Amino acid sequence: MTASDLRPGPDGQPRCPWGLSAPEYVAYHDEEWGRPLRGVRQMFERVSLEAFQSGLSWLVILRKRESFRAAFANFEPSEVAEFDDADVARLLADPGIVRNRAKIDATLRNARAVLAMDTPLDELLWSFAPDPDSRPRPRTLAEVPAVTPESKAMAKELKRRGFSFVGPTTCYALMQATGLVNDHLAGCAAAIADGERSAQ
């Protein structure tokens, strides 16, 4: 692949090609993906949604995100941690979310792990952010990794703390989505408009 991996978006400006395949992706790519995110609740939501995405298209999750928020008390860890068997049954019957028992159980378990932490979840996750100058911005899709040493270390630490559905690939997707790394292709208009959060 070459730098021509960039494709013109709705405004004619170059974008990462994955962000143009559906209207939901255009908004997500331009307004959320790769932008630094903070907050325990916000990060718990992203950890949870990335876990539910495992094995599925992210577009499925985006289209169900509001239903997920309604079903999981807006991803407030203190509330999700209190969910019981009746809540699990409710979730398994909810067509608005991904009805996967293992992922639902993991979300409840992860909420309890968040509450047991001795440091805020967002601070822990950001501690794994690499130096933005440690690698050049990707110029092609082929240069975008699926796993990095930092995502492996994050996954190991989260699992040590009792989290599940947080493998190295899921953790790297989380890092990309929440701005711990900036994998917008060099020259992407969304990244340029946001001040090129990492050096090219």
N, C-alpha and C. Protein backbone atom coordinates (compact mmCIF):
# COMPACT_ATOMS: atom_id res chain seq x y z
N MET A 1 0.84 -1.19 0.00
CA MET A 1 0.00 0.00 0.00
C MET A 1 0.87 1.24 0.00
N THR A 2 0.29 2.34 -0.44
CA THR A 2 1.03 3.59 -0.52
C THR A 2 0.25 4.67 0.20
N ALA A 3 0.79 5.89 0.15
CA ALA A 3 0.13 7.02 0.79
C ALA A 3 -1.24 7.29 0.19
N SER A 4 -1.54 6.70 -0.97
CA SER A 4 -2.85 6.89 -1.58
C SER A 4 -3.94 6.14 -0.80
N ASP A 5 -3.56 5.50 0.33
CA ASP A 5 -4.57 4.90 1.20
C ASP A 5 -5.57 5.96 1.67
N LEU A 6 -5.14 7.21 1.78
CA LEU A 6 -6.06 8.29 2.11
C LEU A 6 -7.12 8.41 1.03
N ARG A 7 -8.36 8.71 1.46
CA ARG A 7 -9.46 8.86 0.51
C ARG A 7 -10.21 10.16 0.79
N PRO A 8 -10.78 10.80 -0.22
CA PRO A 8 -11.52 12.04 0.02
C PRO A 8 -12.80 11.79 0.81
N GLY A 9 -13.01 12.61 1.82
CA GLY A 9 -14.23 12.52 2.63
C GLY A 9 -15.35 13.33 2.03
N PRO A 10 -16.45 13.50 2.76
CA PRO A 10 -17.61 14.24 2.26
C PRO A 10 -17.28 15.68 1.84
N ASP A 11 -16.24 16.26 2.49
CA ASP A 11 -15.85 17.63 2.17
C ASP A 11 -14.72 17.68 1.15
N GLY A 12 -14.33 16.51 0.61
CA GLY A 12 -13.26 16.46 -0.37
C GLY A 12 -11.88 16.37 0.24
N GLN A 13 -11.78 16.50 1.56
CA GLN A 13 -10.49 16.44 2.23
C GLN A 13 -10.11 14.98 2.51
N PRO A 14 -8.81 14.69 2.56
CA PRO A 14 -8.37 13.29 2.73
C PRO A 14 -8.68 12.74 4.11
N ARG A 15 -9.13 11.50 4.13
CA ARG A 15 -9.46 10.82 5.38
C ARG A 15 -8.88 9.40 5.37
N CYS A 16 -8.76 8.81 6.55
CA CYS A 16 -8.45 7.39 6.65
C CYS A 16 -9.59 6.63 6.00
N PRO A 17 -9.30 5.67 5.12
CA PRO A 17 -10.36 5.05 4.33
C PRO A 17 -11.41 4.31 5.15
N TRP A 18 -11.02 3.71 6.29
CA TRP A 18 -12.02 2.98 7.08
C TRP A 18 -13.11 3.91 7.60
N GLY A 19 -12.78 5.20 7.75
CA GLY A 19 -13.73 6.15 8.30
C GLY A 19 -14.75 6.66 7.32
N LEU A 20 -14.78 6.10 6.12
CA LEU A 20 -15.70 6.60 5.10
C LEU A 20 -16.71 5.56 4.64
N SER A 21 -16.69 4.38 5.25
CA SER A 21 -17.51 3.28 4.75
C SER A 21 -18.97 3.34 5.17
N ALA A 22 -19.30 4.18 6.16
CA ALA A 22 -20.68 4.32 6.62
C ALA A 22 -20.81 5.68 7.29
N PRO A 23 -22.00 6.28 7.28
CA PRO A 23 -22.17 7.60 7.92
C PRO A 23 -21.73 7.61 9.38
N GLU A 24 -22.02 6.53 10.09
CA GLU A 24 -21.63 6.48 11.50
C GLU A 24 -20.11 6.51 11.65
N TYR A 25 -19.42 5.87 10.71
CA TYR A 25 -17.96 5.88 10.76
C TYR A 25 -17.40 7.26 10.46
N VAL A 26 -18.02 8.00 9.56
CA VAL A 26 -17.53 9.34 9.23
C VAL A 26 -17.52 10.21 10.49
N ALA A 27 -18.64 10.22 11.21
CA ALA A 27 -18.72 11.04 12.42
C ALA A 27 -17.77 10.54 13.49
N TYR A 28 -17.70 9.23 13.67
CA TYR A 28 -16.83 8.66 14.70
C TYR A 28 -15.37 8.96 14.38
N HIS A 29 -14.97 8.77 13.14
CA HIS A 29 -13.60 9.03 12.72
C HIS A 29 -13.23 10.50 12.92
N ASP A 30 -14.12 11.40 12.51
CA ASP A 30 -13.80 12.82 12.54
C ASP A 30 -13.89 13.42 13.94
N GLU A 31 -14.80 12.92 14.77
CA GLU A 31 -15.11 13.59 16.03
C GLU A 31 -14.63 12.86 17.29
N GLU A 32 -14.34 11.56 17.19
CA GLU A 32 -13.99 10.82 18.40
C GLU A 32 -12.68 10.05 18.32
N TRP A 33 -12.53 9.26 17.26
CA TRP A 33 -11.41 8.32 17.21
C TRP A 33 -10.07 9.03 17.25
N GLY A 34 -9.23 8.64 18.18
CA GLY A 34 -7.90 9.23 18.29
C GLY A 34 -7.84 10.50 19.12
N ARG A 35 -8.99 10.97 19.61
CA ARG A 35 -8.98 12.17 20.44
C ARG A 35 -8.80 11.77 21.90
N PRO A 36 -7.92 12.44 22.62
CA PRO A 36 -7.67 12.08 24.01
C PRO A 36 -8.94 12.09 24.86
N LEU A 37 -9.17 11.00 25.57
CA LEU A 37 -10.35 10.84 26.41
C LEU A 37 -9.91 10.65 27.85
N ARG A 38 -10.60 11.30 28.75
CA ARG A 38 -10.33 11.16 30.18
C ARG A 38 -11.64 10.88 30.91
N GLY A 39 -11.52 10.45 32.15
CA GLY A 39 -12.68 10.18 32.97
C GLY A 39 -12.86 8.69 33.20
N VAL A 40 -13.15 8.32 34.43
CA VAL A 40 -13.32 6.91 34.76
C VAL A 40 -14.52 6.32 34.04
N ARG A 41 -15.66 6.99 34.11
CA ARG A 41 -16.85 6.47 33.46
C ARG A 41 -16.65 6.36 31.96
N GLN A 42 -16.06 7.39 31.37
CA GLN A 42 -15.84 7.40 29.92
C GLN A 42 -14.91 6.26 29.50
N MET A 43 -13.86 6.05 30.27
CA MET A 43 -12.94 4.97 29.92
C MET A 43 -13.55 3.60 30.18
N PHE A 44 -14.35 3.48 31.23
CA PHE A 44 -15.01 2.19 31.48
C PHE A 44 -15.97 1.87 30.34
N GLU A 45 -16.66 2.87 29.85
CA GLU A 45 -17.55 2.65 28.70
C GLU A 45 -16.76 2.13 27.51
N ARG A 46 -15.62 2.76 27.22
CA ARG A 46 -14.84 2.34 26.05
C ARG A 46 -14.25 0.94 26.24
N VAL A 47 -13.77 0.65 27.44
CA VAL A 47 -13.26 -0.70 27.71
C VAL A 47 -14.38 -1.72 27.47
N SER A 48 -15.57 -1.40 27.96
CA SER A 48 -16.71 -2.31 27.83
C SER A 48 -17.11 -2.50 26.38
N LEU A 49 -17.21 -1.42 25.65
CA LEU A 49 -17.64 -1.51 24.25
C LEU A 49 -16.59 -2.22 23.40
N GLU A 50 -15.32 -1.98 23.68
CA GLU A 50 -14.27 -2.69 22.93
C GLU A 50 -14.36 -4.19 23.20
N ALA A 51 -14.70 -4.57 24.43
CA ALA A 51 -14.86 -5.99 24.75
C ALA A 51 -16.05 -6.57 23.99
N PHE A 52 -17.15 -5.85 23.95
CA PHE A 52 -18.31 -6.34 23.21
C PHE A 52 -18.02 -6.43 21.72
N GLN A 53 -17.13 -5.57 21.22
CA GLN A 53 -16.81 -5.58 19.80
C GLN A 53 -16.01 -6.81 19.39
N SER A 54 -15.34 -7.43 20.33
CA SER A 54 -14.47 -8.56 20.00
C SER A 54 -15.18 -9.58 19.12
N GLY A 55 -14.63 -9.80 17.92
CA GLY A 55 -15.22 -10.73 16.97
C GLY A 55 -16.30 -10.14 16.09
N LEU A 56 -16.60 -8.87 16.29
CA LEU A 56 -17.66 -8.21 15.52
C LEU A 56 -17.11 -6.96 14.85
N SER A 57 -17.91 -6.36 14.00
CA SER A 57 -17.57 -5.07 13.40
C SER A 57 -17.83 -3.96 14.41
N TRP A 58 -16.93 -2.98 14.46
CA TRP A 58 -17.15 -1.83 15.34
C TRP A 58 -18.43 -1.09 14.95
N LEU A 59 -18.81 -1.17 13.69
CA LEU A 59 -20.03 -0.50 13.24
C LEU A 59 -21.25 -1.06 13.97
N VAL A 60 -21.26 -2.34 14.25
CA VAL A 60 -22.35 -2.94 15.01
C VAL A 60 -22.46 -2.27 16.38
N ILE A 61 -21.31 -2.06 17.02
CA ILE A 61 -21.30 -1.45 18.35
C ILE A 61 -21.73 0.01 18.28
N LEU A 62 -21.22 0.74 17.29
CA LEU A 62 -21.61 2.14 17.16
C LEU A 62 -23.12 2.29 17.02
N ARG A 63 -23.72 1.43 16.23
CA ARG A 63 -25.15 1.53 15.99
C ARG A 63 -25.98 1.15 17.21
N LYS A 64 -25.37 0.41 18.13
CA LYS A 64 -26.07 -0.01 19.34
C LYS A 64 -25.62 0.78 20.57
N ARG A 65 -24.77 1.77 20.40
CA ARG A 65 -24.14 2.42 21.55
C ARG A 65 -25.15 3.04 22.51
N GLU A 66 -26.15 3.73 21.99
CA GLU A 66 -27.13 4.33 22.89
C GLU A 66 -27.92 3.27 23.64
N SER A 67 -28.20 2.16 23.01
CA SER A 67 -28.88 1.06 23.69
C SER A 67 -27.99 0.46 24.77
N PHE A 68 -26.69 0.35 24.48
CA PHE A 68 -25.75 -0.12 25.49
C PHE A 68 -25.75 0.81 26.69
N ARG A 69 -25.73 2.11 26.43
CA ARG A 69 -25.70 3.07 27.54
C ARG A 69 -26.95 2.95 28.40
N ALA A 70 -28.09 2.79 27.75
CA ALA A 70 -29.34 2.65 28.50
C ALA A 70 -29.35 1.35 29.30
N ALA A 71 -28.84 0.28 28.72
CA ALA A 71 -28.87 -1.03 29.36
C ALA A 71 -27.88 -1.11 30.53
N PHE A 72 -26.76 -0.39 30.43
CA PHE A 72 -25.70 -0.49 31.43
C PHE A 72 -25.56 0.79 32.26
N ALA A 73 -26.67 1.44 32.57
CA ALA A 73 -26.67 2.59 33.48
C ALA A 73 -25.63 3.63 33.10
N ASN A 74 -25.55 3.90 31.81
CA ASN A 74 -24.59 4.87 31.27
C ASN A 74 -23.15 4.53 31.65
N PHE A 75 -22.93 3.25 31.91
CA PHE A 75 -21.60 2.74 32.25
C PHE A 75 -20.99 3.40 33.48
N GLU A 76 -21.85 3.70 34.45
CA GLU A 76 -21.34 4.14 35.75
C GLU A 76 -20.85 2.88 36.48
N PRO A 77 -19.55 2.76 36.73
CA PRO A 77 -19.04 1.52 37.32
C PRO A 77 -19.72 1.15 38.63
N SER A 78 -20.02 2.13 39.48
CA SER A 78 -20.63 1.82 40.78
C SER A 78 -22.01 1.22 40.62
N GLU A 79 -22.74 1.59 39.56
CA GLU A 79 -24.06 1.02 39.33
C GLU A 79 -23.95 -0.35 38.66
N VAL A 80 -23.09 -0.46 37.66
CA VAL A 80 -22.95 -1.74 36.96
C VAL A 80 -22.42 -2.81 37.91
N ALA A 81 -21.59 -2.42 38.85
CA ALA A 81 -21.03 -3.38 39.81
C ALA A 81 -22.11 -4.00 40.68
N GLU A 82 -23.25 -3.33 40.80
CA GLU A 82 -24.35 -3.82 41.63
C GLU A 82 -25.35 -4.68 40.85
N PHE A 83 -25.15 -4.84 39.55
CA PHE A 83 -26.07 -5.65 38.76
C PHE A 83 -26.09 -7.08 39.31
N ASP A 84 -27.29 -7.67 39.31
CA ASP A 84 -27.45 -9.02 39.83
C ASP A 84 -27.99 -9.95 38.74
N ASP A 85 -28.42 -11.14 39.15
CA ASP A 85 -28.90 -12.13 38.18
C ASP A 85 -30.09 -11.62 37.38
N ALA A 86 -30.94 -10.83 38.02
CA ALA A 86 -32.10 -10.27 37.32
C ALA A 86 -31.65 -9.31 36.22
N ASP A 87 -30.60 -8.54 36.52
CA ASP A 87 -30.07 -7.63 35.50
C ASP A 87 -29.45 -8.41 34.35
N VAL A 88 -28.76 -9.48 34.66
CA VAL A 88 -28.16 -10.30 33.61
C VAL A 88 -29.25 -10.87 32.71
N ALA A 89 -30.33 -11.34 33.31
CA ALA A 89 -31.45 -11.87 32.52
C ALA A 89 -32.04 -10.77 31.65
N ARG A 90 -32.16 -9.57 32.22
CA ARG A 90 -32.68 -8.42 31.45
C ARG A 90 -31.78 -8.13 30.26
N LEU A 91 -30.49 -8.13 30.49
CA LEU A 91 -29.55 -7.83 29.42
C LEU A 91 -29.57 -8.89 28.33
N LEU A 92 -29.68 -10.14 28.74
CA LEU A 92 -29.72 -11.23 27.76
C LEU A 92 -30.98 -11.19 26.90
N ALA A 93 -32.00 -10.49 27.38
CA ALA A 93 -33.25 -10.38 26.63
C ALA A 93 -33.35 -9.07 25.85
N ASP A 94 -32.32 -8.24 25.94
CA ASP A 94 -32.36 -6.90 25.33
C ASP A 94 -31.82 -6.96 23.89
N PRO A 95 -32.69 -6.81 22.88
CA PRO A 95 -32.23 -6.89 21.49
C PRO A 95 -31.41 -5.67 21.07
N GLY A 96 -31.37 -4.64 21.90
CA GLY A 96 -30.63 -3.43 21.54
C GLY A 96 -29.14 -3.55 21.75
N ILE A 97 -28.70 -4.61 22.45
CA ILE A 97 -27.28 -4.78 22.71
C ILE A 97 -26.81 -6.11 22.11
N VAL A 98 -25.52 -6.39 22.27
CA VAL A 98 -24.98 -7.69 21.88
C VAL A 98 -25.24 -8.65 23.05
N ARG A 99 -26.07 -9.64 22.83
CA ARG A 99 -26.50 -10.52 23.92
C ARG A 99 -25.56 -11.72 24.04
N ASN A 100 -24.41 -11.45 24.58
CA ASN A 100 -23.39 -12.47 24.76
C ASN A 100 -23.14 -12.61 26.26
N ARG A 101 -23.46 -13.77 26.81
CA ARG A 101 -23.39 -13.95 28.28
C ARG A 101 -21.98 -13.72 28.81
N ALA A 102 -20.98 -14.23 28.11
CA ALA A 102 -19.60 -14.07 28.60
C ALA A 102 -19.20 -12.60 28.63
N LYS A 103 -19.60 -11.83 27.64
CA LYS A 103 -19.24 -10.41 27.59
C LYS A 103 -20.03 -9.60 28.61
N ILE A 104 -21.28 -9.98 28.84
CA ILE A 104 -22.07 -9.32 29.88
C ILE A 104 -21.46 -9.58 31.25
N ASP A 105 -21.13 -10.83 31.52
CA ASP A 105 -20.50 -11.18 32.79
C ASP A 105 -19.18 -10.43 32.96
N ALA A 106 -18.41 -10.31 31.87
CA ALA A 106 -17.14 -9.61 31.94
C ALA A 106 -17.34 -8.14 32.27
N THR A 107 -18.37 -7.53 31.73
CA THR A 107 -18.64 -6.11 32.00
C THR A 107 -18.94 -5.89 33.48
N LEU A 108 -19.73 -6.78 34.07
CA LEU A 108 -20.03 -6.67 35.50
C LEU A 108 -18.77 -6.89 36.33
N ARG A 109 -18.00 -7.89 35.95
CA ARG A 109 -16.75 -8.18 36.66
C ARG A 109 -15.77 -7.02 36.53
N ASN A 110 -15.70 -6.44 35.35
CA ASN A 110 -14.78 -5.32 35.13
C ASN A 110 -15.20 -4.10 35.92
N ALA A 111 -16.50 -3.87 36.06
CA ALA A 111 -16.97 -2.74 36.87
C ALA A 111 -16.52 -2.90 38.31
N ARG A 112 -16.61 -4.13 38.82
CA ARG A 112 -16.17 -4.38 40.20
C ARG A 112 -14.66 -4.20 40.32
N ALA A 113 -13.94 -4.57 39.27
CA ALA A 113 -12.49 -4.38 39.28
C ALA A 113 -12.14 -2.90 39.29
N VAL A 114 -12.91 -2.09 38.56
CA VAL A 114 -12.68 -0.64 38.57
C VAL A 114 -12.82 -0.09 39.98
N LEU A 115 -13.85 -0.52 40.69
CA LEU A 115 -14.09 -0.01 42.04
C LEU A 115 -13.01 -0.45 43.02
N ALA A 116 -12.37 -1.57 42.73
CA ALA A 116 -11.34 -2.09 43.63
C ALA A 116 -9.97 -1.48 43.37
N MET A 117 -9.84 -0.69 42.33
CA MET A 117 -8.54 -0.15 41.96
C MET A 117 -8.07 0.91 42.94
N ASP A 118 -6.74 1.01 43.11
CA ASP A 118 -6.14 2.01 43.98
C ASP A 118 -5.73 3.26 43.22
N THR A 119 -6.06 3.31 41.94
CA THR A 119 -5.81 4.48 41.09
C THR A 119 -6.94 4.58 40.09
N PRO A 120 -7.33 5.77 39.68
CA PRO A 120 -8.43 5.89 38.73
C PRO A 120 -8.13 5.14 37.42
N LEU A 121 -9.17 4.54 36.86
CA LEU A 121 -8.99 3.75 35.64
C LEU A 121 -8.33 4.55 34.53
N ASP A 122 -8.77 5.78 34.32
CA ASP A 122 -8.20 6.54 33.22
C ASP A 122 -6.72 6.83 33.44
N GLU A 123 -6.32 7.08 34.69
CA GLU A 123 -4.90 7.31 34.97
C GLU A 123 -4.09 6.06 34.68
N LEU A 124 -4.62 4.90 35.09
CA LEU A 124 -3.90 3.66 34.82
C LEU A 124 -3.73 3.45 33.33
N LEU A 125 -4.81 3.61 32.56
CA LEU A 125 -4.72 3.39 31.12
C LEU A 125 -3.77 4.37 30.46
N TRP A 126 -3.82 5.62 30.86
CA TRP A 126 -2.94 6.62 30.25
C TRP A 126 -1.47 6.38 30.61
N SER A 127 -1.21 5.64 31.68
CA SER A 127 0.18 5.35 32.03
C SER A 127 0.86 4.48 30.98
N PHE A 128 0.06 3.85 30.10
CA PHE A 128 0.62 3.00 29.06
C PHE A 128 0.75 3.73 27.72
N ALA A 129 0.41 5.00 27.67
CA ALA A 129 0.54 5.76 26.43
C ALA A 129 2.01 5.93 26.08
N PRO A 130 2.41 5.55 24.88
CA PRO A 130 3.82 5.72 24.51
C PRO A 130 4.15 7.17 24.21
N ASP A 131 5.42 7.47 24.22
CA ASP A 131 5.88 8.80 23.80
C ASP A 131 5.42 9.00 22.36
N PRO A 132 4.66 10.07 22.07
CA PRO A 132 4.17 10.27 20.71
C PRO A 132 5.28 10.40 19.67
N ASP A 133 6.50 10.70 20.13
CA ASP A 133 7.62 10.82 19.20
C ASP A 133 8.36 9.50 19.01
N SER A 134 7.86 8.43 19.67
CA SER A 134 8.58 7.16 19.64
C SER A 134 8.43 6.42 18.32
N ARG A 135 7.41 6.77 17.55
CA ARG A 135 7.29 6.18 16.21
C ARG A 135 6.59 7.19 15.31
N PRO A 136 6.93 7.21 14.04
CA PRO A 136 6.30 8.17 13.13
C PRO A 136 4.83 7.82 12.91
N ARG A 137 4.07 8.82 12.55
CA ARG A 137 2.67 8.58 12.22
C ARG A 137 2.60 7.64 11.03
N PRO A 138 1.65 6.69 11.02
CA PRO A 138 1.54 5.78 9.88
C PRO A 138 1.15 6.52 8.62
N ARG A 139 1.76 6.14 7.53
CA ARG A 139 1.42 6.74 6.25
C ARG A 139 0.49 5.83 5.44
N THR A 140 0.47 4.56 5.81
CA THR A 140 -0.38 3.59 5.10
C THR A 140 -1.07 2.71 6.14
N LEU A 141 -2.14 2.05 5.72
CA LEU A 141 -2.83 1.13 6.62
C LEU A 141 -1.93 -0.02 7.04
N ALA A 142 -1.02 -0.41 6.15
CA ALA A 142 -0.11 -1.50 6.46
C ALA A 142 0.82 -1.16 7.62
N GLU A 143 1.03 0.11 7.88
CA GLU A 143 1.92 0.53 8.96
C GLU A 143 1.22 0.61 10.32
N VAL A 144 -0.08 0.43 10.34
CA VAL A 144 -0.84 0.52 11.59
C VAL A 144 -0.80 -0.86 12.27
N PRO A 145 -0.22 -0.94 13.46
CA PRO A 145 -0.13 -2.25 14.13
C PRO A 145 -1.45 -2.68 14.73
N ALA A 146 -1.53 -3.96 15.04
CA ALA A 146 -2.70 -4.50 15.75
C ALA A 146 -2.39 -4.68 17.23
N VAL A 147 -1.11 -4.85 17.53
CA VAL A 147 -0.65 -5.07 18.90
C VAL A 147 0.68 -4.35 19.05
N THR A 148 0.94 -3.81 20.23
CA THR A 148 2.22 -3.17 20.52
C THR A 148 2.70 -3.63 21.90
N PRO A 149 3.96 -3.38 22.22
CA PRO A 149 4.43 -3.73 23.56
C PRO A 149 3.59 -3.05 24.65
N GLU A 150 3.16 -1.81 24.39
CA GLU A 150 2.35 -1.10 25.38
C GLU A 150 0.98 -1.76 25.57
N SER A 151 0.38 -2.21 24.47
CA SER A 151 -0.94 -2.84 24.61
C SER A 151 -0.83 -4.20 25.29
N LYS A 152 0.29 -4.89 25.07
CA LYS A 152 0.51 -6.15 25.78
C LYS A 152 0.66 -5.90 27.27
N ALA A 153 1.41 -4.85 27.62
CA ALA A 153 1.61 -4.53 29.03
C ALA A 153 0.30 -4.10 29.68
N MET A 154 -0.50 -3.32 28.96
CA MET A 154 -1.81 -2.90 29.48
C MET A 154 -2.71 -4.10 29.74
N ALA A 155 -2.77 -5.00 28.77
CA ALA A 155 -3.61 -6.18 28.93
C ALA A 155 -3.18 -7.01 30.13
N LYS A 156 -1.89 -7.17 30.29
CA LYS A 156 -1.36 -7.95 31.41
C LYS A 156 -1.75 -7.32 32.74
N GLU A 157 -1.62 -6.00 32.83
CA GLU A 157 -1.94 -5.31 34.08
C GLU A 157 -3.45 -5.35 34.37
N LEU A 158 -4.27 -5.14 33.35
CA LEU A 158 -5.71 -5.20 33.57
C LEU A 158 -6.15 -6.60 34.01
N LYS A 159 -5.59 -7.60 33.39
CA LYS A 159 -5.93 -8.97 33.79
C LYS A 159 -5.47 -9.24 35.22
N ARG A 160 -4.32 -8.71 35.60
CA ARG A 160 -3.83 -8.87 36.97
C ARG A 160 -4.81 -8.27 37.96
N ARG A 161 -5.49 -7.22 37.53
CA ARG A 161 -6.43 -6.53 38.40
C ARG A 161 -7.84 -7.11 38.31
N GLY A 162 -8.01 -8.20 37.58
CA GLY A 162 -9.30 -8.87 37.56
C GLY A 162 -10.18 -8.60 36.37
N PHE A 163 -9.67 -7.87 35.38
CA PHE A 163 -10.45 -7.58 34.17
C PHE A 163 -10.41 -8.79 33.23
N SER A 164 -11.42 -8.88 32.39
CA SER A 164 -11.42 -9.91 31.34
C SER A 164 -11.89 -9.30 30.03
N PHE A 165 -11.71 -10.04 28.94
CA PHE A 165 -11.95 -9.54 27.58
C PHE A 165 -11.11 -8.30 27.31
N VAL A 166 -9.87 -8.33 27.76
CA VAL A 166 -8.95 -7.20 27.57
C VAL A 166 -7.61 -7.73 27.05
N GLY A 167 -7.64 -8.45 25.93
CA GLY A 167 -6.41 -8.93 25.33
C GLY A 167 -5.62 -7.80 24.68
N PRO A 168 -4.39 -8.09 24.25
CA PRO A 168 -3.54 -7.04 23.66
C PRO A 168 -4.14 -6.35 22.43
N THR A 169 -4.86 -7.10 21.60
CA THR A 169 -5.47 -6.48 20.42
C THR A 169 -6.60 -5.55 20.82
N THR A 170 -7.44 -6.00 21.76
CA THR A 170 -8.52 -5.15 22.26
C THR A 170 -7.95 -3.91 22.94
N CYS A 171 -6.88 -4.09 23.69
CA CYS A 171 -6.27 -2.94 24.36
C CYS A 171 -5.69 -1.95 23.36
N TYR A 172 -5.12 -2.45 22.26
CA TYR A 172 -4.59 -1.50 21.29
C TYR A 172 -5.71 -0.74 20.59
N ALA A 173 -6.80 -1.43 20.30
CA ALA A 173 -7.96 -0.73 19.72
C ALA A 173 -8.46 0.35 20.68
N LEU A 174 -8.44 0.05 21.97
CA LEU A 174 -8.83 1.03 22.98
C LEU A 174 -7.87 2.22 22.95
N MET A 175 -6.57 1.95 22.86
CA MET A 175 -5.58 3.01 22.82
C MET A 175 -5.79 3.91 21.61
N GLN A 176 -6.09 3.31 20.47
CA GLN A 176 -6.36 4.11 19.27
C GLN A 176 -7.61 4.96 19.44
N ALA A 177 -8.66 4.36 19.99
CA ALA A 177 -9.95 5.04 20.08
C ALA A 177 -9.94 6.20 21.06
N THR A 178 -9.11 6.09 22.12
CA THR A 178 -9.14 7.09 23.18
C THR A 178 -7.94 8.03 23.17
N GLY A 179 -7.18 8.00 22.09
CA GLY A 179 -6.12 8.98 21.92
C GLY A 179 -4.82 8.69 22.63
N LEU A 180 -4.68 7.50 23.22
CA LEU A 180 -3.38 7.15 23.80
C LEU A 180 -2.33 7.05 22.71
N VAL A 181 -2.77 6.69 21.51
CA VAL A 181 -1.95 6.76 20.32
C VAL A 181 -2.76 7.45 19.24
N ASN A 182 -2.09 8.01 18.27
CA ASN A 182 -2.77 8.67 17.16
C ASN A 182 -2.43 7.93 15.87
N ASP A 183 -3.36 7.07 15.44
CA ASP A 183 -3.12 6.29 14.24
C ASP A 183 -3.90 6.81 13.03
N HIS A 184 -4.35 8.06 13.08
CA HIS A 184 -4.83 8.67 11.85
C HIS A 184 -3.64 8.69 10.88
N LEU A 185 -3.89 8.34 9.64
CA LEU A 185 -2.80 8.36 8.67
C LEU A 185 -2.27 9.78 8.51
N ALA A 186 -0.98 9.89 8.28
CA ALA A 186 -0.37 11.19 8.06
C ALA A 186 -1.08 11.90 6.92
N GLY A 187 -1.51 13.12 7.16
CA GLY A 187 -2.23 13.88 6.15
C GLY A 187 -3.73 13.78 6.27
N CYS A 188 -4.24 12.97 7.20
CA CYS A 188 -5.69 12.86 7.39
C CYS A 188 -6.24 14.20 7.87
N ALA A 189 -7.28 14.69 7.22
CA ALA A 189 -7.84 15.99 7.54
C ALA A 189 -8.38 16.05 8.96
N ALA A 190 -8.91 14.94 9.48
CA ALA A 190 -9.45 14.94 10.84
C ALA A 190 -8.36 15.19 11.85
N ALA A 191 -7.19 14.60 11.65
CA ALA A 191 -6.07 14.80 12.55
C ALA A 191 -5.50 16.21 12.41
N ILE A 192 -5.42 16.70 11.18
CA ILE A 192 -4.88 18.03 10.95
C ILE A 192 -5.79 19.08 11.60
N ALA A 193 -7.11 18.88 11.47
CA ALA A 193 -8.06 19.82 12.05
C ALA A 193 -7.96 19.84 13.58
N ASP A 194 -7.54 18.72 14.13
CA ASP A 194 -7.43 18.62 15.58
C ASP A 194 -6.00 18.94 16.05
N GLY A 195 -5.21 19.53 15.19
CA GLY A 195 -3.89 20.00 15.59
C GLY A 195 -2.80 18.96 15.53
N GLU A 196 -3.01 17.89 14.73
CA GLU A 196 -1.98 16.85 14.60
C GLU A 196 -1.48 16.45 15.99
N ARG A 197 -2.32 15.72 16.71
CA ARG A 197 -2.06 15.39 18.11
C ARG A 197 -0.73 14.67 18.32
N SER A 198 -0.19 14.08 17.31
CA SER A 198 1.15 13.48 17.41
C SER A 198 1.95 13.92 16.19
N ALA A 199 3.23 13.95 16.32
CA ALA A 199 4.06 14.35 15.19
C ALA A 199 3.97 13.32 14.08
N GLN A 200 4.00 13.81 12.84
CA GLN A 200 3.98 12.89 11.70
C GLN A 200 5.35 12.25 11.54
